[in-house]
Every structure is written in structure tokens, then in C-alpha cells.
Amino acid sequence: MSDHELKELLEQLHQELASTESVSAETLERVRELDADIHKLVASGAQTEIFETVMDRARALESRFAVNHPVAERFMAQIMDILAKMGI
């Protein structure tokens, strides 16, 4: 898995949420924050304390999407999987 694949998944997640009317402004903001944090994490060389925060946020969003946004939930699961496989 590469940084490029991670960026593509993040972009697809943003596109999916943009095309869904039932996503709250708060959720969209949390996704934007997570996106920025993931970019910082990758750029920082995967600092452990940042990683735990990113994974906690990703898990929270995945849970939030589970009921109403199954496609977004799958994107979150893939994003977390890529981070884990990158050794982050």
C-alpha cells in the first residue's frame, strides 16, 4: 500500500460524503480533520502518539457511518487497514 492509495481513498471518501445529503456538518468537519491528521502522520514518519489519535478518530467515524453510510464505512475500514499495513 502506498501514500498514493491512501490519498485516493481519502478523496473517494470526500466524494461519497459530498454526494450524500444526510451527512451532518459536524461529521464533514471531523472527516476533514482526520484527513489533515493522516497527512501529518504520514509526513511525520508515523509518530506513535499521533497514530493512536488518528486511529481513534478513524474508528469513531467508521462507527458513525456504520448505520447510515455503509460505503463511507468501507472507505474508513480501508483507510485504517492501509495505515496499519504501512507500519504506521
N, C-alpha and C. Protein backbone atom coordinates (compact mmCIF):
# COMPACT_ATOMS: atom_id res chain seq x y z
N MET A 1 0.84 -1.18 0.00
CA MET A 1 0.00 0.00 0.00
C MET A 1 0.88 1.24 0.00
N SER A 2 0.41 2.26 -0.63
CA SER A 2 1.24 3.46 -0.75
C SER A 2 0.49 4.70 -0.27
N ASP A 3 1.28 5.76 -0.13
CA ASP A 3 0.68 7.05 0.22
C ASP A 3 -0.34 7.45 -0.83
N HIS A 4 -0.04 7.13 -2.09
CA HIS A 4 -0.94 7.48 -3.19
C HIS A 4 -2.30 6.80 -3.03
N GLU A 5 -2.29 5.51 -2.67
CA GLU A 5 -3.55 4.79 -2.48
C GLU A 5 -4.33 5.37 -1.31
N LEU A 6 -3.62 5.75 -0.27
CA LEU A 6 -4.27 6.36 0.89
C LEU A 6 -4.93 7.68 0.49
N LYS A 7 -4.23 8.50 -0.26
CA LYS A 7 -4.79 9.78 -0.71
C LYS A 7 -6.01 9.56 -1.60
N GLU A 8 -5.95 8.53 -2.46
CA GLU A 8 -7.09 8.23 -3.32
C GLU A 8 -8.31 7.83 -2.50
N LEU A 9 -8.10 6.99 -1.49
CA LEU A 9 -9.22 6.59 -0.63
C LEU A 9 -9.82 7.78 0.11
N LEU A 10 -8.97 8.66 0.60
CA LEU A 10 -9.48 9.85 1.28
C LEU A 10 -10.30 10.71 0.33
N GLU A 11 -9.83 10.85 -0.88
CA GLU A 11 -10.58 11.63 -1.89
C GLU A 11 -11.91 10.96 -2.20
N GLN A 12 -11.91 9.64 -2.34
CA GLN A 12 -13.16 8.92 -2.60
C GLN A 12 -14.13 9.07 -1.44
N LEU A 13 -13.61 9.05 -0.23
CA LEU A 13 -14.47 9.25 0.95
C LEU A 13 -15.11 10.63 0.89
N HIS A 14 -14.32 11.65 0.59
CA HIS A 14 -14.86 13.01 0.49
C HIS A 14 -15.93 13.09 -0.60
N GLN A 15 -15.69 12.45 -1.73
CA GLN A 15 -16.67 12.46 -2.83
C GLN A 15 -17.96 11.76 -2.42
N GLU A 16 -17.83 10.63 -1.76
CA GLU A 16 -19.01 9.88 -1.30
C GLU A 16 -19.84 10.73 -0.34
N LEU A 17 -19.18 11.38 0.59
CA LEU A 17 -19.90 12.20 1.56
C LEU A 17 -20.52 13.44 0.92
N ALA A 18 -19.84 14.00 -0.06
CA ALA A 18 -20.37 15.18 -0.75
C ALA A 18 -21.63 14.84 -1.54
N SER A 19 -21.75 13.60 -1.97
CA SER A 19 -22.91 13.20 -2.75
C SER A 19 -24.06 12.68 -1.88
N THR A 20 -23.86 12.70 -0.58
CA THR A 20 -24.86 12.21 0.37
C THR A 20 -25.45 13.38 1.14
N GLU A 21 -26.75 13.54 1.06
CA GLU A 21 -27.41 14.67 1.71
C GLU A 21 -27.52 14.53 3.23
N SER A 22 -27.47 13.31 3.73
CA SER A 22 -27.77 13.10 5.14
C SER A 22 -26.54 13.15 6.06
N VAL A 23 -25.44 13.71 5.58
CA VAL A 23 -24.24 13.81 6.41
C VAL A 23 -24.23 15.19 7.08
N SER A 24 -24.05 15.19 8.39
CA SER A 24 -24.07 16.45 9.13
C SER A 24 -22.80 17.26 8.89
N ALA A 25 -22.91 18.54 9.14
CA ALA A 25 -21.75 19.44 9.01
C ALA A 25 -20.66 19.02 10.00
N GLU A 26 -21.06 18.56 11.18
CA GLU A 26 -20.10 18.11 12.19
C GLU A 26 -19.30 16.91 11.68
N THR A 27 -19.99 15.97 11.05
CA THR A 27 -19.31 14.78 10.52
C THR A 27 -18.35 15.17 9.42
N LEU A 28 -18.77 16.06 8.53
CA LEU A 28 -17.88 16.51 7.46
C LEU A 28 -16.64 17.19 8.02
N GLU A 29 -16.81 17.96 9.08
CA GLU A 29 -15.67 18.62 9.71
C GLU A 29 -14.73 17.59 10.33
N ARG A 30 -15.29 16.58 10.96
CA ARG A 30 -14.45 15.53 11.55
C ARG A 30 -13.67 14.77 10.48
N VAL A 31 -14.28 14.55 9.33
CA VAL A 31 -13.58 13.88 8.23
C VAL A 31 -12.44 14.77 7.73
N ARG A 32 -12.69 16.07 7.60
CA ARG A 32 -11.63 16.99 7.16
C ARG A 32 -10.47 17.00 8.17
N GLU A 33 -10.80 17.00 9.44
CA GLU A 33 -9.76 16.97 10.48
C GLU A 33 -8.96 15.67 10.41
N LEU A 34 -9.66 14.56 10.22
CA LEU A 34 -8.97 13.27 10.12
C LEU A 34 -8.06 13.26 8.90
N ASP A 35 -8.55 13.77 7.79
CA ASP A 35 -7.74 13.85 6.56
C ASP A 35 -6.46 14.62 6.83
N ALA A 36 -6.57 15.77 7.45
CA ALA A 36 -5.38 16.58 7.75
C ALA A 36 -4.45 15.84 8.70
N ASP A 37 -5.01 15.17 9.70
CA ASP A 37 -4.19 14.42 10.64
C ASP A 37 -3.46 13.27 9.97
N ILE A 38 -4.12 12.59 9.05
CA ILE A 38 -3.48 11.48 8.33
C ILE A 38 -2.30 12.00 7.51
N HIS A 39 -2.50 13.14 6.85
CA HIS A 39 -1.40 13.71 6.07
C HIS A 39 -0.23 14.10 6.97
N LYS A 40 -0.53 14.65 8.14
CA LYS A 40 0.54 14.99 9.10
C LYS A 40 1.24 13.73 9.58
N LEU A 41 0.47 12.70 9.84
CA LEU A 41 1.03 11.44 10.32
C LEU A 41 2.00 10.84 9.32
N VAL A 42 1.58 10.78 8.08
CA VAL A 42 2.44 10.23 7.04
C VAL A 42 3.70 11.07 6.88
N ALA A 43 3.55 12.39 6.90
CA ALA A 43 4.69 13.29 6.74
C ALA A 43 5.64 13.23 7.93
N SER A 44 5.12 12.91 9.11
CA SER A 44 5.94 12.91 10.33
C SER A 44 6.73 11.63 10.51
N GLY A 45 6.50 10.66 9.65
CA GLY A 45 7.18 9.39 9.84
C GLY A 45 6.48 8.52 10.87
N ALA A 46 5.22 8.76 11.07
CA ALA A 46 4.37 7.91 11.90
C ALA A 46 4.71 7.94 13.37
N GLN A 47 4.65 9.08 13.96
CA GLN A 47 4.87 9.19 15.40
C GLN A 47 3.75 8.45 16.14
N THR A 48 4.12 7.66 17.11
CA THR A 48 3.18 6.78 17.81
C THR A 48 2.01 7.53 18.42
N GLU A 49 2.28 8.67 19.07
CA GLU A 49 1.18 9.39 19.73
C GLU A 49 0.19 9.95 18.72
N ILE A 50 0.67 10.36 17.56
CA ILE A 50 -0.24 10.86 16.52
C ILE A 50 -1.04 9.70 15.94
N PHE A 51 -0.38 8.56 15.74
CA PHE A 51 -1.04 7.38 15.18
C PHE A 51 -2.25 6.97 16.02
N GLU A 52 -2.08 6.90 17.33
CA GLU A 52 -3.18 6.49 18.20
C GLU A 52 -4.37 7.44 18.08
N THR A 53 -4.10 8.74 18.02
CA THR A 53 -5.16 9.73 17.88
C THR A 53 -5.88 9.56 16.55
N VAL A 54 -5.12 9.37 15.48
CA VAL A 54 -5.70 9.19 14.15
C VAL A 54 -6.57 7.93 14.12
N MET A 55 -6.06 6.84 14.66
CA MET A 55 -6.83 5.60 14.64
C MET A 55 -8.10 5.70 15.49
N ASP A 56 -8.02 6.38 16.62
CA ASP A 56 -9.22 6.59 17.45
C ASP A 56 -10.27 7.38 16.68
N ARG A 57 -9.84 8.43 16.00
CA ARG A 57 -10.78 9.24 15.22
C ARG A 57 -11.37 8.44 14.06
N ALA A 58 -10.53 7.66 13.41
CA ALA A 58 -10.99 6.84 12.28
C ALA A 58 -12.02 5.81 12.76
N ARG A 59 -11.75 5.17 13.89
CA ARG A 59 -12.71 4.19 14.43
C ARG A 59 -14.04 4.86 14.78
N ALA A 60 -13.97 6.05 15.35
CA ALA A 60 -15.20 6.77 15.71
C ALA A 60 -16.01 7.10 14.47
N LEU A 61 -15.33 7.54 13.40
CA LEU A 61 -16.05 7.85 12.17
C LEU A 61 -16.61 6.58 11.53
N GLU A 62 -15.84 5.52 11.55
CA GLU A 62 -16.31 4.26 10.99
C GLU A 62 -17.59 3.82 11.70
N SER A 63 -17.62 3.92 13.01
CA SER A 63 -18.82 3.57 13.78
C SER A 63 -19.98 4.48 13.43
N ARG A 64 -19.70 5.75 13.27
CA ARG A 64 -20.75 6.73 12.93
C ARG A 64 -21.37 6.41 11.57
N PHE A 65 -20.54 5.95 10.64
CA PHE A 65 -21.02 5.66 9.29
C PHE A 65 -21.71 4.31 9.18
N ALA A 66 -21.50 3.41 10.14
CA ALA A 66 -21.95 2.02 10.05
C ALA A 66 -23.43 1.89 9.71
N VAL A 67 -24.26 2.67 10.31
CA VAL A 67 -25.70 2.52 10.12
C VAL A 67 -26.21 3.20 8.85
N ASN A 68 -25.81 4.45 8.64
CA ASN A 68 -26.41 5.23 7.56
C ASN A 68 -25.56 5.38 6.31
N HIS A 69 -24.28 5.07 6.40
CA HIS A 69 -23.39 5.31 5.26
C HIS A 69 -22.43 4.14 5.07
N PRO A 70 -22.95 2.99 4.62
CA PRO A 70 -22.10 1.79 4.52
C PRO A 70 -20.91 1.95 3.56
N VAL A 71 -21.07 2.73 2.51
CA VAL A 71 -19.94 2.94 1.58
C VAL A 71 -18.84 3.72 2.28
N ALA A 72 -19.21 4.76 2.99
CA ALA A 72 -18.23 5.55 3.74
C ALA A 72 -17.58 4.69 4.83
N GLU A 73 -18.35 3.81 5.43
CA GLU A 73 -17.79 2.91 6.45
C GLU A 73 -16.70 2.03 5.83
N ARG A 74 -16.94 1.51 4.64
CA ARG A 74 -15.93 0.68 3.96
C ARG A 74 -14.68 1.48 3.66
N PHE A 75 -14.84 2.73 3.23
CA PHE A 75 -13.66 3.58 2.98
C PHE A 75 -12.85 3.75 4.25
N MET A 76 -13.52 3.97 5.38
CA MET A 76 -12.81 4.15 6.64
C MET A 76 -12.06 2.88 7.02
N ALA A 77 -12.68 1.73 6.82
CA ALA A 77 -12.02 0.46 7.14
C ALA A 77 -10.78 0.28 6.26
N GLN A 78 -10.88 0.63 4.99
CA GLN A 78 -9.74 0.51 4.08
C GLN A 78 -8.63 1.48 4.47
N ILE A 79 -9.00 2.68 4.86
CA ILE A 79 -8.01 3.67 5.28
C ILE A 79 -7.25 3.17 6.50
N MET A 80 -7.97 2.64 7.49
CA MET A 80 -7.31 2.13 8.69
C MET A 80 -6.41 0.94 8.34
N ASP A 81 -6.86 0.09 7.42
CA ASP A 81 -6.07 -1.06 7.00
C ASP A 81 -4.77 -0.62 6.32
N ILE A 82 -4.86 0.39 5.47
CA ILE A 82 -3.66 0.89 4.80
C ILE A 82 -2.68 1.46 5.81
N LEU A 83 -3.17 2.24 6.75
CA LEU A 83 -2.28 2.80 7.77
C LEU A 83 -1.57 1.68 8.54
N ALA A 84 -2.31 0.65 8.88
CA ALA A 84 -1.70 -0.46 9.63
C ALA A 84 -0.65 -1.17 8.78
N LYS A 85 -0.95 -1.38 7.50
CA LYS A 85 -0.02 -2.08 6.62
C LYS A 85 1.22 -1.26 6.30
N MET A 86 1.09 0.04 6.36
CA MET A 86 2.24 0.91 6.10
C MET A 86 3.20 0.89 7.29
N GLY A 87 2.77 0.23 8.35
CA GLY A 87 3.60 0.18 9.54
C GLY A 87 3.47 1.40 10.40
N ILE A 88 2.42 2.12 10.18
CA ILE A 88 2.20 3.35 10.94
C ILE A 88 1.46 3.00 12.19
